[in-house]
Amino acid sequence: CAQNTLELPKGCKENYFTTSDKVKIRYVTAGKGTALILIPGWTMPAEVFENQLEHFSKTNLVIAVDPRAQGKSEKTTEGLYFKREAQDISELTQHLGLNAYYLIGWSWAGPMICSYLKHFDAPAFKGAVIVDGPIQFTKSFTDLIINMTKAILEDRKAFTPIFIKGLFVQPQSEAYLEKLSKASLMTPTSAAVTLLANCLVYSDKEWIEGIKATSKPLLFYVAEG
């Protein structure tokens, strides 16, 4: 695996489209073929998929998205809930006229994809991969969200580097971790907290209903524990 730099590989194209509620969403593309749409986790930018963009663009059209209020997408305070974010992805696929695509979501994008399964499934959607995404909101998970929210409200700049370092099992360079922390801080604190509130006000039953309802293949990739 190449060293992480948080920079887009050569050949990637940066694009924007405007959603039905007038929010400007950034996405980057590389390659040709059946589309793989990569959706990052909470406050993360599309560049976090730099290695996946380089690898899979050899065989597929790869599309990495900055979700609303993240990365270089518009810093809106509205629509920061899973169903609306799923609708953004649905509208992106229509904007691009995709006739076959897969969704690949990391972490926070897991429940969003489950919401997509329930509300926006389409014939062109062929399946999904959810990597390390929370599906069942256990008490320990909601307690974690509460503690994260408190830490962000009190001192987000101190919290963020700790959070970023905790994302990785393998050691990363300090330069990369610092760049990723800065990218995370591009999401305004008000938006970051609102996004976390999703796990406190919505039931995980909705995501489980989406999983049960779809006939499309799903792959869940998680670490033990």
C-alpha atoms as a PDB file:
ATOM      1  CA  CYS A   1       0.000   0.000   0.000  1.00  0.00           C
ATOM      2  CA  ALA A   2       1.358   3.425  -0.939  1.00  0.00           C
ATOM      3  CA  GLN A   3       2.215   5.930   1.750  1.00  0.00           C
ATOM      4  CA  ASN A   4      -0.733   8.153   2.577  1.00  0.00           C
ATOM      5  CA  THR A   5      -0.366  11.790   1.540  1.00  0.00           C
ATOM      6  CA  LEU A   6      -3.993  13.057   1.485  1.00  0.00           C
ATOM      7  CA  GLU A   7      -3.427  14.131  -2.124  1.00  0.00           C
ATOM      8  CA  LEU A   8      -5.422  13.018  -5.140  1.00  0.00           C
ATOM      9  CA  PRO A   9      -3.612  10.716  -7.591  1.00  0.00           C
ATOM     10  CA  LYS A  10      -2.701  12.060 -11.016  1.00  0.00           C
ATOM     11  CA  GLY A  11      -5.559  11.844 -13.467  1.00  0.00           C
ATOM     12  CA  CYS A  12      -8.324  12.600 -10.956  1.00  0.00           C
ATOM     13  CA  LYS A  13     -10.829  15.240 -11.988  1.00  0.00           C
ATOM     14  CA  GLU A  14     -12.493  17.565  -9.495  1.00  0.00           C
ATOM     15  CA  ASN A  15     -16.182  18.296 -10.095  1.00  0.00           C
ATOM     16  CA  TYR A  16     -19.199  19.889  -8.394  1.00  0.00           C
ATOM     17  CA  PHE A  17     -22.936  19.515  -8.685  1.00  0.00           C
ATOM     18  CA  THR A  18     -25.836  21.248  -6.946  1.00  0.00           C
ATOM     19  CA  THR A  19     -28.425  19.237  -5.045  1.00  0.00           C
ATOM     20  CA  SER A  20     -32.179  19.774  -5.197  1.00  0.00           C
ATOM     21  CA  ASP A  21     -31.953  21.861  -1.997  1.00  0.00           C
ATOM     22  CA  LYS A  22     -29.255  24.062  -3.542  1.00  0.00           C
ATOM     23  CA  VAL A  23     -26.154  22.691  -1.801  1.00  0.00           C
ATOM     24  CA  LYS A  24     -22.929  22.491  -3.805  1.00  0.00           C
ATOM     25  CA  ILE A  25     -21.324  19.038  -3.493  1.00  0.00           C
ATOM     26  CA  ARG A  26     -17.776  18.249  -4.557  1.00  0.00           C
ATOM     27  CA  TYR A  27     -16.784  14.913  -6.024  1.00  0.00           C
ATOM     28  CA  VAL A  28     -13.671  13.599  -7.760  1.00  0.00           C
ATOM     29  CA  THR A  29     -13.517  11.024 -10.534  1.00  0.00           C
ATOM     30  CA  ALA A  30     -10.939   8.739 -12.099  1.00  0.00           C
ATOM     31  CA  GLY A  31     -11.046   5.816 -14.531  1.00  0.00           C
ATOM     32  CA  LYS A  32     -13.781   4.258 -16.658  1.00  0.00           C
ATOM     33  CA  GLY A  33     -16.280   1.410 -16.352  1.00  0.00           C
ATOM     34  CA  THR A  34     -18.823   0.379 -13.750  1.00  0.00           C
ATOM     35  CA  ALA A  35     -18.912   3.099 -11.105  1.00  0.00           C
ATOM     36  CA  LEU A  36     -17.694   2.678  -7.537  1.00  0.00           C
ATOM     37  CA  ILE A  37     -18.920   5.564  -5.372  1.00  0.00           C
ATOM     38  CA  LEU A  38     -16.712   6.062  -2.298  1.00  0.00           C
ATOM     39  CA  ILE A  39     -18.255   7.879   0.668  1.00  0.00           C
ATOM     40  CA  PRO A  40     -16.019   8.857   3.610  1.00  0.00           C
ATOM     41  CA  GLY A  41     -16.751   8.961   7.314  1.00  0.00           C
ATOM     42  CA  TRP A  42     -17.629  11.798   9.663  1.00  0.00           C
ATOM     43  CA  THR A  43     -15.847  15.092   8.732  1.00  0.00           C
ATOM     44  CA  MET A  44     -13.545  13.274   6.290  1.00  0.00           C
ATOM     45  CA  PRO A  45     -12.733  14.476   2.735  1.00  0.00           C
ATOM     46  CA  ALA A  46     -12.686  12.527  -0.527  1.00  0.00           C
ATOM     47  CA  GLU A  47      -8.870  12.524  -0.431  1.00  0.00           C
ATOM     48  CA  VAL A  48      -8.926   9.941   2.351  1.00  0.00           C
ATOM     49  CA  PHE A  49      -9.570   7.441  -0.481  1.00  0.00           C
ATOM     50  CA  GLU A  50      -6.402   8.364  -2.393  1.00  0.00           C
ATOM     51  CA  ASN A  51      -5.132   4.770  -2.538  1.00  0.00           C
ATOM     52  CA  GLN A  52      -8.515   3.357  -3.554  1.00  0.00           C
ATOM     53  CA  LEU A  53      -8.831   5.980  -6.294  1.00  0.00           C
ATOM     54  CA  GLU A  54      -5.455   5.034  -7.701  1.00  0.00           C
ATOM     55  CA  HIS A  55      -6.009   1.259  -7.479  1.00  0.00           C
ATOM     56  CA  PHE A  56      -9.622   0.808  -8.589  1.00  0.00           C
ATOM     57  CA  SER A  57      -9.507   3.435 -11.350  1.00  0.00           C
ATOM     58  CA  LYS A  58      -7.448   0.924 -13.339  1.00  0.00           C
ATOM     59  CA  THR A  59     -10.625  -1.143 -13.849  1.00  0.00           C
ATOM     60  CA  ASN A  60     -13.571   1.087 -12.847  1.00  0.00           C
ATOM     61  CA  LEU A  61     -14.930   4.589 -12.807  1.00  0.00           C
ATOM     62  CA  VAL A  62     -14.221   5.669  -9.229  1.00  0.00           C
ATOM     63  CA  ILE A  63     -16.124   8.573  -7.690  1.00  0.00           C
ATOM     64  CA  ALA A  64     -15.133   9.889  -4.260  1.00  0.00           C
ATOM     65  CA  VAL A  65     -17.493  12.355  -2.597  1.00  0.00           C
ATOM     66  CA  ASP A  66     -17.145  15.152  -0.083  1.00  0.00           C
ATOM     67  CA  PRO A  67     -20.476  14.852   1.785  1.00  0.00           C
ATOM     68  CA  ARG A  68     -22.280  18.110   2.508  1.00  0.00           C
ATOM     69  CA  ALA A  69     -20.404  20.301   4.996  1.00  0.00           C
ATOM     70  CA  GLN A  70     -17.280  18.137   4.600  1.00  0.00           C
ATOM     71  CA  GLY A  71     -14.097  18.666   2.619  1.00  0.00           C
ATOM     72  CA  LYS A  72     -14.647  21.233  -0.123  1.00  0.00           C
ATOM     73  CA  SER A  73     -18.414  20.777  -0.323  1.00  0.00           C
ATOM     74  CA  GLU A  74     -20.613  23.675   0.741  1.00  0.00           C
ATOM     75  CA  LYS A  75     -20.601  24.320   4.486  1.00  0.00           C
ATOM     76  CA  THR A  76     -24.342  24.187   4.938  1.00  0.00           C
ATOM     77  CA  THR A  77     -26.080  23.877   8.295  1.00  0.00           C
ATOM     78  CA  GLU A  78     -29.106  22.176   6.719  1.00  0.00           C
ATOM     79  CA  GLY A  79     -29.781  18.620   5.611  1.00  0.00           C
ATOM     80  CA  LEU A  80     -27.210  17.086   7.937  1.00  0.00           C
ATOM     81  CA  TYR A  81     -29.014  13.797   8.468  1.00  0.00           C
ATOM     82  CA  PHE A  82     -28.623  10.348   6.958  1.00  0.00           C
ATOM     83  CA  LYS A  83     -31.658  10.355   4.653  1.00  0.00           C
ATOM     84  CA  ARG A  84     -30.767  13.722   3.100  1.00  0.00           C
ATOM     85  CA  GLU A  85     -27.162  12.639   2.586  1.00  0.00           C
ATOM     86  CA  ALA A  86     -28.452   9.452   0.946  1.00  0.00           C
ATOM     87  CA  GLN A  87     -30.597  11.627  -1.308  1.00  0.00           C
ATOM     88  CA  ASP A  88     -27.472  13.604  -2.250  1.00  0.00           C
ATOM     89  CA  ILE A  89     -25.895  10.371  -3.481  1.00  0.00           C
ATOM     90  CA  SER A  90     -29.056   9.430  -5.364  1.00  0.00           C
ATOM     91  CA  GLU A  91     -29.080  12.830  -7.056  1.00  0.00           C
ATOM     92  CA  LEU A  92     -25.376  12.505  -7.912  1.00  0.00           C
ATOM     93  CA  THR A  93     -25.998   9.193  -9.691  1.00  0.00           C
ATOM     94  CA  GLN A  94     -28.802  10.845 -11.675  1.00  0.00           C
ATOM     95  CA  HIS A  95     -26.630  13.877 -12.428  1.00  0.00           C
ATOM     96  CA  LEU A  96     -23.944  11.586 -13.856  1.00  0.00           C
ATOM     97  CA  GLY A  97     -26.429   9.343 -15.657  1.00  0.00           C
ATOM     98  CA  LEU A  98     -24.912   6.185 -14.201  1.00  0.00           C
ATOM     99  CA  ASN A  99     -26.409   2.920 -15.461  1.00  0.00           C
ATOM    100  CA  ALA A 100     -24.507   0.688 -13.021  1.00  0.00           C
ATOM    101  CA  TYR A 101     -22.879   1.590  -9.726  1.00  0.00           C
ATOM    102  CA  TYR A 102     -21.870   0.265  -6.317  1.00  0.00           C
ATOM    103  CA  LEU A 103     -21.737   2.248  -3.071  1.00  0.00           C
ATOM    104  CA  ILE A 104     -18.752   1.858  -0.747  1.00  0.00           C
ATOM    105  CA  GLY A 105     -19.078   3.648   2.571  1.00  0.00           C
ATOM    106  CA  TRP A 106     -16.635   3.969   5.424  1.00  0.00           C
ATOM    107  CA  SER A 107     -17.712   4.384   9.054  1.00  0.00           C
ATOM    108  CA  TRP A 108     -20.313   7.164   9.246  1.00  0.00           C
ATOM    109  CA  ALA A 109     -21.374   6.401   5.682  1.00  0.00           C
ATOM    110  CA  GLY A 110     -22.652   2.983   6.809  1.00  0.00           C
ATOM    111  CA  PRO A 111     -25.997   4.161   8.237  1.00  0.00           C
ATOM    112  CA  MET A 112     -26.300   6.568   5.314  1.00  0.00           C
ATOM    113  CA  ILE A 113     -26.046   3.667   2.866  1.00  0.00           C
ATOM    114  CA  CYS A 114     -28.643   1.747   4.867  1.00  0.00           C
ATOM    115  CA  SER A 115     -30.918   4.781   4.549  1.00  0.00           C
ATOM    116  CA  TYR A 116     -30.222   4.741   0.818  1.00  0.00           C
ATOM    117  CA  LEU A 117     -31.313   1.087   0.665  1.00  0.00           C
ATOM    118  CA  LYS A 118     -34.625   1.954   2.285  1.00  0.00           C
ATOM    119  CA  HIS A 119     -35.478   5.151   0.415  1.00  0.00           C
ATOM    120  CA  PHE A 120     -33.512   5.419  -2.840  1.00  0.00           C
ATOM    121  CA  ASP A 121     -32.823   1.926  -4.197  1.00  0.00           C
ATOM    122  CA  ALA A 122     -32.733   2.018  -8.000  1.00  0.00           C
ATOM    123  CA  PRO A 123     -32.248  -0.476 -10.855  1.00  0.00           C
ATOM    124  CA  ALA A 124     -28.788   0.929 -11.606  1.00  0.00           C
ATOM    125  CA  PHE A 125     -27.686   0.323  -7.998  1.00  0.00           C
ATOM    126  CA  LYS A 126     -25.941  -3.053  -7.972  1.00  0.00           C
ATOM    127  CA  GLY A 127     -24.726  -3.477  -4.385  1.00  0.00           C
ATOM    128  CA  ALA A 128     -22.854  -1.945  -1.476  1.00  0.00           C
ATOM    129  CA  VAL A 129     -19.841  -2.394   0.776  1.00  0.00           C
ATOM    130  CA  ILE A 130     -19.891  -0.962   4.301  1.00  0.00           C
ATOM    131  CA  VAL A 131     -16.474  -0.712   5.965  1.00  0.00           C
ATOM    132  CA  ASP A 132     -16.342  -0.395   9.748  1.00  0.00           C
ATOM    133  CA  GLY A 133     -19.746   1.272   9.853  1.00  0.00           C
ATOM    134  CA  PRO A 134     -22.049   1.469  12.887  1.00  0.00           C
ATOM    135  CA  ILE A 135     -25.318  -0.298  12.136  1.00  0.00           C
ATOM    136  CA  GLN A 136     -26.667  -1.184  15.563  1.00  0.00           C
ATOM    137  CA  PHE A 137     -26.561   1.710  18.009  1.00  0.00           C
ATOM    138  CA  THR A 138     -25.655  -0.014  21.267  1.00  0.00           C
ATOM    139  CA  LYS A 139     -25.459   1.853  24.585  1.00  0.00           C
ATOM    140  CA  SER A 140     -21.666   1.788  24.460  1.00  0.00           C
ATOM    141  CA  PHE A 141     -21.764   3.367  20.999  1.00  0.00           C
ATOM    142  CA  THR A 142     -24.206   6.120  21.970  1.00  0.00           C
ATOM    143  CA  ASP A 143     -22.127   6.801  25.101  1.00  0.00           C
ATOM    144  CA  LEU A 144     -19.122   7.228  22.802  1.00  0.00           C
ATOM    145  CA  ILE A 145     -21.050   9.726  20.672  1.00  0.00           C
ATOM    146  CA  ILE A 146     -22.049  11.696  23.786  1.00  0.00           C
ATOM    147  CA  ASN A 147     -18.432  11.809  24.986  1.00  0.00           C
ATOM    148  CA  MET A 148     -17.220  12.864  21.532  1.00  0.00           C
ATOM    149  CA  THR A 149     -19.797  15.636  21.391  1.00  0.00           C
ATOM    150  CA  LYS A 150     -18.776  16.948  24.794  1.00  0.00           C
ATOM    151  CA  ALA A 151     -15.089  16.911  23.835  1.00  0.00           C
ATOM    152  CA  ILE A 152     -15.816  18.767  20.591  1.00  0.00           C
ATOM    153  CA  LEU A 153     -17.880  21.432  22.313  1.00  0.00           C
ATOM    154  CA  GLU A 154     -15.214  22.026  24.967  1.00  0.00           C
ATOM    155  CA  ASP A 155     -12.025  21.923  22.840  1.00  0.00           C
ATOM    156  CA  ARG A 156     -12.346  20.612  19.319  1.00  0.00           C
ATOM    157  CA  LYS A 157      -8.793  21.504  18.304  1.00  0.00           C
ATOM    158  CA  ALA A 158      -7.449  19.334  21.133  1.00  0.00           C
ATOM    159  CA  PHE A 159      -9.908  16.503  20.440  1.00  0.00           C
ATOM    160  CA  THR A 160      -9.377  16.229  16.685  1.00  0.00           C
ATOM    161  CA  PRO A 161      -5.748  14.980  16.541  1.00  0.00           C
ATOM    162  CA  ILE A 162      -6.586  12.293  19.113  1.00  0.00           C
ATOM    163  CA  PHE A 163      -9.627  11.237  17.117  1.00  0.00           C
ATOM    164  CA  ILE A 164      -7.674  11.130  13.843  1.00  0.00           C
ATOM    165  CA  LYS A 165      -4.822   9.065  15.261  1.00  0.00           C
ATOM    166  CA  GLY A 166      -7.341   6.594  16.669  1.00  0.00           C
ATOM    167  CA  LEU A 167      -8.676   5.859  13.180  1.00  0.00           C
ATOM    168  CA  PHE A 168      -5.586   3.855  12.233  1.00  0.00           C
ATOM    169  CA  VAL A 169      -4.175   0.538  13.342  1.00  0.00           C
ATOM    170  CA  GLN A 170      -0.999   0.969  11.300  1.00  0.00           C
ATOM    171  CA  PRO A 171       1.252   3.913  12.185  1.00  0.00           C
ATOM    172  CA  GLN A 172       0.928   6.982   9.954  1.00  0.00           C
ATOM    173  CA  SER A 173       3.334   9.862   9.468  1.00  0.00           C
ATOM    174  CA  GLU A 174       2.836  12.910  11.657  1.00  0.00           C
ATOM    175  CA  ALA A 175       2.569  15.039   8.525  1.00  0.00           C
ATOM    176  CA  TYR A 176      -0.313  12.931   7.222  1.00  0.00           C
ATOM    177  CA  LEU A 177      -2.132  12.928  10.555  1.00  0.00           C
ATOM    178  CA  GLU A 178      -1.782  16.701  10.787  1.00  0.00           C
ATOM    179  CA  LYS A 179      -3.172  17.177   7.258  1.00  0.00           C
ATOM    180  CA  LEU A 180      -6.098  14.879   8.012  1.00  0.00           C
ATOM    181  CA  SER A 181      -6.809  16.755  11.250  1.00  0.00           C
ATOM    182  CA  LYS A 182      -6.885  20.035   9.329  1.00  0.00           C
ATOM    183  CA  ALA A 183      -9.211  18.478   6.759  1.00  0.00           C
ATOM    184  CA  SER A 184     -11.541  17.293   9.524  1.00  0.00           C
ATOM    185  CA  LEU A 185     -11.607  20.795  11.002  1.00  0.00           C
ATOM    186  CA  MET A 186     -12.853  22.153   7.656  1.00  0.00           C
ATOM    187  CA  THR A 187     -16.278  20.903   8.745  1.00  0.00           C
ATOM    188  CA  PRO A 188     -17.691  23.666  10.992  1.00  0.00           C
ATOM    189  CA  THR A 189     -18.205  22.621  14.602  1.00  0.00           C
ATOM    190  CA  SER A 190     -21.936  23.295  14.373  1.00  0.00           C
ATOM    191  CA  ALA A 191     -22.173  20.869  11.441  1.00  0.00           C
ATOM    192  CA  ALA A 192     -19.920  18.273  13.083  1.00  0.00           C
ATOM    193  CA  VAL A 193     -22.096  18.216  16.211  1.00  0.00           C
ATOM    194  CA  THR A 194     -25.323  18.118  14.203  1.00  0.00           C
ATOM    195  CA  LEU A 195     -24.062  15.092  12.304  1.00  0.00           C
ATOM    196  CA  LEU A 196     -23.239  13.295  15.555  1.00  0.00           C
ATOM    197  CA  ALA A 197     -26.755  14.029  16.819  1.00  0.00           C
ATOM    198  CA  ASN A 198     -28.100  11.631  14.177  1.00  0.00           C
ATOM    199  CA  CYS A 199     -27.097   8.738  16.409  1.00  0.00           C
ATOM    200  CA  LEU A 200     -29.021  10.179  19.335  1.00  0.00           C
ATOM    201  CA  VAL A 201     -32.297  11.074  17.630  1.00  0.00           C
ATOM    202  CA  TYR A 202     -32.742   8.316  15.039  1.00  0.00           C
ATOM    203  CA  SER A 203     -33.355   4.626  15.698  1.00  0.00           C
ATOM    204  CA  ASP A 204     -31.071   2.007  14.196  1.00  0.00           C
ATOM    205  CA  LYS A 205     -34.218   0.060  13.305  1.00  0.00           C
ATOM    206  CA  GLU A 206     -34.447   2.180  10.153  1.00  0.00           C
ATOM    207  CA  TRP A 207     -31.025   1.022   8.933  1.00  0.00           C
ATOM    208  CA  ILE A 208     -31.817  -2.610   9.740  1.00  0.00           C
ATOM    209  CA  GLU A 209     -35.099  -2.293   7.821  1.00  0.00           C
ATOM    210  CA  GLY A 210     -33.144  -1.076   4.809  1.00  0.00           C
ATOM    211  CA  ILE A 211     -30.789  -4.038   4.995  1.00  0.00           C
ATOM    212  CA  LYS A 212     -33.667  -6.493   5.226  1.00  0.00           C
ATOM    213  CA  ALA A 213     -35.631  -4.836   2.418  1.00  0.00           C
ATOM    214  CA  THR A 214     -32.993  -4.861  -0.310  1.00  0.00           C
ATOM    215  CA  SER A 215     -32.327  -7.740  -2.680  1.00  0.00           C
ATOM    216  CA  LYS A 216     -28.962  -6.268  -3.694  1.00  0.00           C
ATOM    217  CA  PRO A 217     -25.730  -7.870  -2.458  1.00  0.00           C
ATOM    218  CA  LEU A 218     -24.194  -6.278   0.646  1.00  0.00           C
ATOM    219  CA  LEU A 219     -20.739  -6.781   2.131  1.00  0.00           C
ATOM    220  CA  PHE A 220     -19.913  -5.678   5.681  1.00  0.00           C
ATOM    221  CA  TYR A 221     -16.211  -5.365   6.464  1.00  0.00           C
ATOM    222  CA  VAL A 222     -15.481  -4.902  10.173  1.00  0.00           C
ATOM    223  CA  ALA A 223     -12.688  -5.453  12.666  1.00  0.00           C
ATOM    224  CA  GLU A 224     -13.083  -7.837  15.579  1.00  0.00           C
ATOM    225  CA  GLY A 225     -14.294  -6.195  18.765  1.00  0.00           C
END
